[in-house]
Amino acid sequence: MGDGQMPQENQAEDDDARRVSAFQARCAAVRQQTADEMARLAARRSSLQAQLGITTETMARWRVEHERMLQQATKPT
């Protein structure tokens, strides 16, 4: 019976290896799609900022102003 189980065990291990390999390939593809989309969005954001004339300094100033507004909004009354 032990000899009869070896091919089935090997087949199961091969099936598992194929499933793991397929899963890893899908994960790699999704990671790449995500990286591509993030790069596209970053380029789009830069393009929009340039079109609107928004500089890095403007963004930094807005960020500070926004943080100040949030702090003021969360202060106990």
PDB file of N, CA and C in Angstrom:
ATOM      1  N   MET A   1       0.824  -1.184   0.000  1.00  0.00           N
ATOM      2  CA  MET A   1       0.000   0.000   0.000  1.00  0.00           C
ATOM      3  C   MET A   1       0.868   1.247   0.000  1.00  0.00           C
ATOM      4  N   GLY A   2       2.030   1.175   0.666  1.00  0.00           N
ATOM      5  CA  GLY A   2       2.926   2.309   0.705  1.00  0.00           C
ATOM      6  C   GLY A   2       3.397   2.690  -0.678  1.00  0.00           C
ATOM      7  N   ASP A   3       3.677   1.711  -1.546  1.00  0.00           N
ATOM      8  CA  ASP A   3       4.119   2.025  -2.905  1.00  0.00           C
ATOM      9  C   ASP A   3       2.991   2.638  -3.718  1.00  0.00           C
ATOM     10  N   GLY A   4       1.783   2.225  -3.458  1.00  0.00           N
ATOM     11  CA  GLY A   4       0.644   2.751  -4.194  1.00  0.00           C
ATOM     12  C   GLY A   4       0.351   4.207  -3.840  1.00  0.00           C
ATOM     13  N   GLN A   5       0.724   4.627  -2.667  1.00  0.00           N
ATOM     14  CA  GLN A   5       0.468   5.993  -2.224  1.00  0.00           C
ATOM     15  C   GLN A   5       1.471   6.985  -2.811  1.00  0.00           C
ATOM     16  N   MET A   6       2.666   6.547  -3.142  1.00  0.00           N
ATOM     17  CA  MET A   6       3.699   7.460  -3.621  1.00  0.00           C
ATOM     18  C   MET A   6       3.265   8.244  -4.851  1.00  0.00           C
ATOM     19  N   PRO A   7       2.738   7.608  -5.880  1.00  0.00           N
ATOM     20  CA  PRO A   7       2.335   8.407  -7.040  1.00  0.00           C
ATOM     21  C   PRO A   7       1.241   9.419  -6.693  1.00  0.00           C
ATOM     22  N   GLN A   8       0.288   9.023  -5.842  1.00  0.00           N
ATOM     23  CA  GLN A   8      -0.775   9.948  -5.446  1.00  0.00           C
ATOM     24  C   GLN A   8      -0.206  11.112  -4.639  1.00  0.00           C
ATOM     25  N   GLU A   9       0.730  10.811  -3.730  1.00  0.00           N
ATOM     26  CA  GLU A   9       1.350  11.870  -2.934  1.00  0.00           C
ATOM     27  C   GLU A   9       2.156  12.800  -3.828  1.00  0.00           C
ATOM     28  N   ASN A  10       2.887  12.198  -4.774  1.00  0.00           N
ATOM     29  CA  ASN A  10       3.659  13.021  -5.702  1.00  0.00           C
ATOM     30  C   ASN A  10       2.732  13.891  -6.546  1.00  0.00           C
ATOM     31  N   GLN A  11       1.624  13.312  -6.987  1.00  0.00           N
ATOM     32  CA  GLN A  11       0.651  14.065  -7.779  1.00  0.00           C
ATOM     33  C   GLN A  11       0.076  15.218  -6.959  1.00  0.00           C
ATOM     34  N   ALA A  12      -0.247  14.938  -5.697  1.00  0.00           N
ATOM     35  CA  ALA A  12      -0.793  15.979  -4.826  1.00  0.00           C
ATOM     36  C   ALA A  12       0.236  17.082  -4.604  1.00  0.00           C
ATOM     37  N   GLU A  13       1.486  16.704  -4.393  1.00  0.00           N
ATOM     38  CA  GLU A  13       2.546  17.702  -4.205  1.00  0.00           C
ATOM     39  C   GLU A  13       2.736  18.532  -5.473  1.00  0.00           C
ATOM     40  N   ASP A  14       2.683  17.855  -6.629  1.00  0.00           N
ATOM     41  CA  ASP A  14       2.805  18.576  -7.900  1.00  0.00           C
ATOM     42  C   ASP A  14       1.635  19.548  -8.091  1.00  0.00           C
ATOM     43  N   ASP A  15       0.422  19.085  -7.744  1.00  0.00           N
ATOM     44  CA  ASP A  15      -0.753  19.957  -7.851  1.00  0.00           C
ATOM     45  C   ASP A  15      -0.610  21.170  -6.933  1.00  0.00           C
ATOM     46  N   ASP A  16      -0.154  20.917  -5.703  1.00  0.00           N
ATOM     47  CA  ASP A  16       0.056  22.014  -4.759  1.00  0.00           C
ATOM     48  C   ASP A  16       1.102  22.992  -5.290  1.00  0.00           C
ATOM     49  N   ALA A  17       2.175  22.465  -5.829  1.00  0.00           N
ATOM     50  CA  ALA A  17       3.241  23.320  -6.360  1.00  0.00           C
ATOM     51  C   ALA A  17       2.721  24.163  -7.523  1.00  0.00           C
ATOM     52  N   ARG A  18       1.894  23.554  -8.380  1.00  0.00           N
ATOM     53  CA  ARG A  18       1.316  24.309  -9.499  1.00  0.00           C
ATOM     54  C   ARG A  18       0.380  25.407  -8.997  1.00  0.00           C
ATOM     55  N   ARG A  19      -0.439  25.080  -7.998  1.00  0.00           N
ATOM     56  CA  ARG A  19      -1.352  26.082  -7.439  1.00  0.00           C
ATOM     57  C   ARG A  19      -0.578  27.236  -6.796  1.00  0.00           C
ATOM     58  N   VAL A  20       0.461  26.898  -6.049  1.00  0.00           N
ATOM     59  CA  VAL A  20       1.278  27.937  -5.411  1.00  0.00           C
ATOM     60  C   VAL A  20       1.949  28.796  -6.476  1.00  0.00           C
ATOM     61  N   SER A  21       2.470  28.150  -7.495  1.00  0.00           N
ATOM     62  CA  SER A  21       3.135  28.882  -8.575  1.00  0.00           C
ATOM     63  C   SER A  21       2.153  29.807  -9.296  1.00  0.00           C
ATOM     64  N   ALA A  22       0.956  29.315  -9.559  1.00  0.00           N
ATOM     65  CA  ALA A  22      -0.065  30.130 -10.226  1.00  0.00           C
ATOM     66  C   ALA A  22      -0.471  31.308  -9.337  1.00  0.00           C
ATOM     67  N   PHE A  23      -0.608  31.055  -8.036  1.00  0.00           N
ATOM     68  CA  PHE A  23      -0.955  32.118  -7.096  1.00  0.00           C
ATOM     69  C   PHE A  23       0.143  33.178  -7.055  1.00  0.00           C
ATOM     70  N   GLN A  24       1.394  32.735  -7.004  1.00  0.00           N
ATOM     71  CA  GLN A  24       2.512  33.676  -6.985  1.00  0.00           C
ATOM     72  C   GLN A  24       2.551  34.505  -8.267  1.00  0.00           C
ATOM     73  N   ALA A  25       2.250  33.881  -9.388  1.00  0.00           N
ATOM     74  CA  ALA A  25       2.231  34.607 -10.660  1.00  0.00           C
ATOM     75  C   ALA A  25       1.114  35.652 -10.668  1.00  0.00           C
ATOM     76  N   ARG A  26      -0.070  35.284 -10.144  1.00  0.00           N
ATOM     77  CA  ARG A  26      -1.171  36.250 -10.068  1.00  0.00           C
ATOM     78  C   ARG A  26      -0.816  37.410  -9.140  1.00  0.00           C
ATOM     79  N   CYS A  27      -0.182  37.098  -8.017  1.00  0.00           N
ATOM     80  CA  CYS A  27       0.233  38.150  -7.081  1.00  0.00           C
ATOM     81  C   CYS A  27       1.238  39.089  -7.739  1.00  0.00           C
ATOM     82  N   ALA A  28       2.193  38.530  -8.467  1.00  0.00           N
ATOM     83  CA  ALA A  28       3.191  39.357  -9.154  1.00  0.00           C
ATOM     84  C   ALA A  28       2.523  40.249 -10.192  1.00  0.00           C
ATOM     85  N   ALA A  29       1.552  39.700 -10.907  1.00  0.00           N
ATOM     86  CA  ALA A  29       0.846  40.490 -11.922  1.00  0.00           C
ATOM     87  C   ALA A  29       0.064  41.631 -11.275  1.00  0.00           C
ATOM     88  N   VAL A  30      -0.599  41.351 -10.161  1.00  0.00           N
ATOM     89  CA  VAL A  30      -1.362  42.387  -9.466  1.00  0.00           C
ATOM     90  C   VAL A  30      -0.418  43.445  -8.907  1.00  0.00           C
ATOM     91  N   ARG A  31       0.717  43.015  -8.342  1.00  0.00           N
ATOM     92  CA  ARG A  31       1.702  43.989  -7.844  1.00  0.00           C
ATOM     93  C   ARG A  31       2.170  44.899  -8.966  1.00  0.00           C
ATOM     94  N   GLN A  32       2.432  44.319 -10.135  1.00  0.00           N
ATOM     95  CA  GLN A  32       2.893  45.116 -11.269  1.00  0.00           C
ATOM     96  C   GLN A  32       1.800  46.072 -11.742  1.00  0.00           C
ATOM     97  N   GLN A  33       0.568  45.585 -11.813  1.00  0.00           N
ATOM     98  CA  GLN A  33      -0.549  46.454 -12.210  1.00  0.00           C
ATOM     99  C   GLN A  33      -0.709  47.604 -11.223  1.00  0.00           C
ATOM    100  N   THR A  34      -0.558  47.301  -9.938  1.00  0.00           N
ATOM    101  CA  THR A  34      -0.674  48.333  -8.910  1.00  0.00           C
ATOM    102  C   THR A  34       0.438  49.359  -9.061  1.00  0.00           C
ATOM    103  N   ALA A  35       1.661  48.897  -9.268  1.00  0.00           N
ATOM    104  CA  ALA A  35       2.791  49.814  -9.453  1.00  0.00           C
ATOM    105  C   ALA A  35       2.583  50.683 -10.690  1.00  0.00           C
ATOM    106  N   ASP A  36       2.113  50.073 -11.764  1.00  0.00           N
ATOM    107  CA  ASP A  36       1.843  50.830 -12.993  1.00  0.00           C
ATOM    108  C   ASP A  36       0.770  51.892 -12.761  1.00  0.00           C
ATOM    109  N   GLU A  37      -0.289  51.509 -12.052  1.00  0.00           N
ATOM    110  CA  GLU A  37      -1.381  52.447 -11.786  1.00  0.00           C
ATOM    111  C   GLU A  37      -0.911  53.575 -10.865  1.00  0.00           C
ATOM    112  N   MET A  38      -0.112  53.249  -9.861  1.00  0.00           N
ATOM    113  CA  MET A  38       0.416  54.287  -8.970  1.00  0.00           C
ATOM    114  C   MET A  38       1.291  55.269  -9.744  1.00  0.00           C
ATOM    115  N   ALA A  39       2.104  54.758 -10.649  1.00  0.00           N
ATOM    116  CA  ALA A  39       2.952  55.631 -11.472  1.00  0.00           C
ATOM    117  C   ALA A  39       2.088  56.507 -12.378  1.00  0.00           C
ATOM    118  N   ARG A  40       1.045  55.917 -12.946  1.00  0.00           N
ATOM    119  CA  ARG A  40       0.146  56.686 -13.811  1.00  0.00           C
ATOM    120  C   ARG A  40      -0.545  57.798 -13.024  1.00  0.00           C
ATOM    121  N   LEU A  41      -1.010  57.467 -11.831  1.00  0.00           N
ATOM    122  CA  LEU A  41      -1.685  58.468 -11.009  1.00  0.00           C
ATOM    123  C   LEU A  41      -0.731  59.570 -10.557  1.00  0.00           C
ATOM    124  N   ALA A  42       0.503  59.207 -10.240  1.00  0.00           N
ATOM    125  CA  ALA A  42       1.493  60.213  -9.845  1.00  0.00           C
ATOM    126  C   ALA A  42       1.771  61.160 -11.003  1.00  0.00           C
ATOM    127  N   ALA A  43       1.893  60.611 -12.202  1.00  0.00           N
ATOM    128  CA  ALA A  43       2.126  61.451 -13.382  1.00  0.00           C
ATOM    129  C   ALA A  43       0.919  62.350 -13.633  1.00  0.00           C
ATOM    130  N   ARG A  44      -0.266  61.804 -13.471  1.00  0.00           N
ATOM    131  CA  ARG A  44      -1.494  62.585 -13.669  1.00  0.00           C
ATOM    132  C   ARG A  44      -1.572  63.719 -12.654  1.00  0.00           C
ATOM    133  N   ARG A  45      -1.251  63.403 -11.392  1.00  0.00           N
ATOM    134  CA  ARG A  45      -1.278  64.428 -10.348  1.00  0.00           C
ATOM    135  C   ARG A  45      -0.285  65.544 -10.677  1.00  0.00           C
ATOM    136  N   SER A  46       0.920  65.173 -11.077  1.00  0.00           N
ATOM    137  CA  SER A  46       1.930  66.173 -11.434  1.00  0.00           C
ATOM    138  C   SER A  46       1.457  67.025 -12.601  1.00  0.00           C
ATOM    139  N   SER A  47       0.847  66.375 -13.583  1.00  0.00           N
ATOM    140  CA  SER A  47       0.342  67.088 -14.747  1.00  0.00           C
ATOM    141  C   SER A  47      -0.750  68.082 -14.345  1.00  0.00           C
ATOM    142  N   LEU A  48      -1.667  67.637 -13.512  1.00  0.00           N
ATOM    143  CA  LEU A  48      -2.750  68.523 -13.067  1.00  0.00           C
ATOM    144  C   LEU A  48      -2.211  69.684 -12.241  1.00  0.00           C
ATOM    145  N   GLN A  49      -1.265  69.387 -11.371  1.00  0.00           N
ATOM    146  CA  GLN A  49      -0.684  70.455 -10.560  1.00  0.00           C
ATOM    147  C   GLN A  49      -0.004  71.483 -11.456  1.00  0.00           C
ATOM    148  N   ALA A  50       0.696  71.005 -12.464  1.00  0.00           N
ATOM    149  CA  ALA A  50       1.374  71.920 -13.387  1.00  0.00           C
ATOM    150  C   ALA A  50       0.348  72.753 -14.159  1.00  0.00           C
ATOM    151  N   GLN A  51      -0.733  72.107 -14.613  1.00  0.00           N
ATOM    152  CA  GLN A  51      -1.765  72.829 -15.356  1.00  0.00           C
ATOM    153  C   GLN A  51      -2.421  73.907 -14.502  1.00  0.00           C
ATOM    154  N   LEU A  52      -2.581  73.608 -13.219  1.00  0.00           N
ATOM    155  CA  LEU A  52      -3.239  74.553 -12.322  1.00  0.00           C
ATOM    156  C   LEU A  52      -2.260  75.548 -11.706  1.00  0.00           C
ATOM    157  N   GLY A  53      -0.972  75.331 -11.942  1.00  0.00           N
ATOM    158  CA  GLY A  53       0.034  76.222 -11.381  1.00  0.00           C
ATOM    159  C   GLY A  53       0.266  76.003  -9.900  1.00  0.00           C
ATOM    160  N   ILE A  54       0.000  74.789  -9.438  1.00  0.00           N
ATOM    161  CA  ILE A  54       0.194  74.473  -8.028  1.00  0.00           C
ATOM    162  C   ILE A  54       1.635  74.003  -7.845  1.00  0.00           C
ATOM    163  N   THR A  55       2.365  74.715  -7.014  1.00  0.00           N
ATOM    164  CA  THR A  55       3.767  74.373  -6.786  1.00  0.00           C
ATOM    165  C   THR A  55       3.900  73.488  -5.552  1.00  0.00           C
ATOM    166  N   THR A  56       5.080  72.954  -5.363  1.00  0.00           N
ATOM    167  CA  THR A  56       5.363  72.156  -4.172  1.00  0.00           C
ATOM    168  C   THR A  56       5.183  73.009  -2.919  1.00  0.00           C
ATOM    169  N   GLU A  57       5.592  74.262  -3.014  1.00  0.00           N
ATOM    170  CA  GLU A  57       5.446  75.161  -1.871  1.00  0.00           C
ATOM    171  C   GLU A  57       3.972  75.385  -1.533  1.00  0.00           C
ATOM    172  N   THR A  58       3.154  75.532  -2.562  1.00  0.00           N
ATOM    173  CA  THR A  58       1.717  75.709  -2.344  1.00  0.00           C
ATOM    174  C   THR A  58       1.142  74.482  -1.656  1.00  0.00           C
ATOM    175  N   MET A  59       1.520  73.302  -2.130  1.00  0.00           N
ATOM    176  CA  MET A  59       1.025  72.066  -1.526  1.00  0.00           C
ATOM    177  C   MET A  59       1.459  71.980  -0.066  1.00  0.00           C
ATOM    178  N   ALA A  60       2.698  72.338   0.232  1.00  0.00           N
ATOM    179  CA  ALA A  60       3.196  72.295   1.607  1.00  0.00           C
ATOM    180  C   ALA A  60       2.420  73.277   2.485  1.00  0.00           C
ATOM    181  N   ARG A  61       2.166  74.471   1.972  1.00  0.00           N
ATOM    182  CA  ARG A  61       1.416  75.473   2.730  1.00  0.00           C
ATOM    183  C   ARG A  61      -0.006  74.974   3.002  1.00  0.00           C
ATOM    184  N   TRP A  62      -0.655  74.406   1.979  1.00  0.00           N
ATOM    185  CA  TRP A  62      -2.007  73.871   2.155  1.00  0.00           C
ATOM    186  C   TRP A  62      -2.021  72.749   3.190  1.00  0.00           C
ATOM    187  N   ARG A  63      -0.998  71.905   3.156  1.00  0.00           N
ATOM    188  CA  ARG A  63      -0.914  70.791   4.101  1.00  0.00           C
ATOM    189  C   ARG A  63      -0.841  71.334   5.534  1.00  0.00           C
ATOM    190  N   VAL A  64       0.015  72.337   5.757  1.00  0.00           N
ATOM    191  CA  VAL A  64       0.147  72.934   7.089  1.00  0.00           C
ATOM    192  C   VAL A  64      -1.170  73.572   7.513  1.00  0.00           C
ATOM    193  N   GLU A  65      -1.802  74.309   6.615  1.00  0.00           N
ATOM    194  CA  GLU A  65      -3.083  74.943   6.931  1.00  0.00           C
ATOM    195  C   GLU A  65      -4.147  73.899   7.261  1.00  0.00           C
ATOM    196  N   HIS A  66      -4.162  72.829   6.503  1.00  0.00           N
ATOM    197  CA  HIS A  66      -5.138  71.756   6.736  1.00  0.00           C
ATOM    198  C   HIS A  66      -4.896  71.108   8.096  1.00  0.00           C
ATOM    199  N   GLU A  67      -3.637  70.826   8.420  1.00  0.00           N
ATOM    200  CA  GLU A  67      -3.323  70.220   9.714  1.00  0.00           C
ATOM    201  C   GLU A  67      -3.731  71.152  10.855  1.00  0.00           C
ATOM    202  N   ARG A  68      -3.498  72.449  10.695  1.00  0.00           N
ATOM    203  CA  ARG A  68      -3.882  73.420  11.714  1.00  0.00           C
ATOM    204  C   ARG A  68      -5.406  73.415  11.891  1.00  0.00           C
ATOM    205  N   MET A  69      -6.137  73.386  10.793  1.00  0.00           N
ATOM    206  CA  MET A  69      -7.599  73.356  10.871  1.00  0.00           C
ATOM    207  C   MET A  69      -8.074  72.092  11.579  1.00  0.00           C
ATOM    208  N   LEU A  70      -7.439  70.955  11.278  1.00  0.00           N
ATOM    209  CA  LEU A  70      -7.823  69.707  11.937  1.00  0.00           C
ATOM    210  C   LEU A  70      -7.552  69.775  13.430  1.00  0.00           C
ATOM    211  N   GLN A  71      -6.407  70.335  13.811  1.00  0.00           N
ATOM    212  CA  GLN A  71      -6.082  70.453  15.234  1.00  0.00           C
ATOM    213  C   GLN A  71      -7.083  71.355  15.940  1.00  0.00           C
ATOM    214  N   GLN A  72      -7.452  72.450  15.308  1.00  0.00           N
ATOM    215  CA  GLN A  72      -8.418  73.368  15.912  1.00  0.00           C
ATOM    216  C   GLN A  72      -9.786  72.711  16.035  1.00  0.00           C
ATOM    217  N   ALA A  73     -10.132  71.905  15.066  1.00  0.00           N
ATOM    218  CA  ALA A  73     -11.444  71.242  15.079  1.00  0.00           C
ATOM    219  C   ALA A  73     -11.518  70.165  16.150  1.00  0.00           C
ATOM    220  N   THR A  74     -10.379  69.593  16.529  1.00  0.00           N
ATOM    221  CA  THR A  74     -10.391  68.500  17.502  1.00  0.00           C
ATOM    222  C   THR A  74     -10.086  68.970  18.914  1.00  0.00           C
ATOM    223  N   LYS A  75      -9.831  70.280  19.110  1.00  0.00           N
ATOM    224  CA  LYS A  75      -9.579  70.797  20.457  1.00  0.00           C
ATOM    225  C   LYS A  75     -10.874  70.742  21.256  1.00  0.00           C
ATOM    226  N   PRO A  76     -10.748  70.330  22.528  1.00  0.00           N
ATOM    227  CA  PRO A  76     -11.961  70.335  23.364  1.00  0.00           C
ATOM    228  C   PRO A  76     -12.433  71.764  23.601  1.00  0.00           C
ATOM    229  N   THR A  77     -13.726  71.902  23.706  1.00  0.00           N
ATOM    230  CA  THR A  77     -14.293  73.249  23.897  1.00  0.00           C
ATOM    231  C   THR A  77     -14.552  73.545  25.345  1.00  0.00           C
TER     232      THR A  77
END
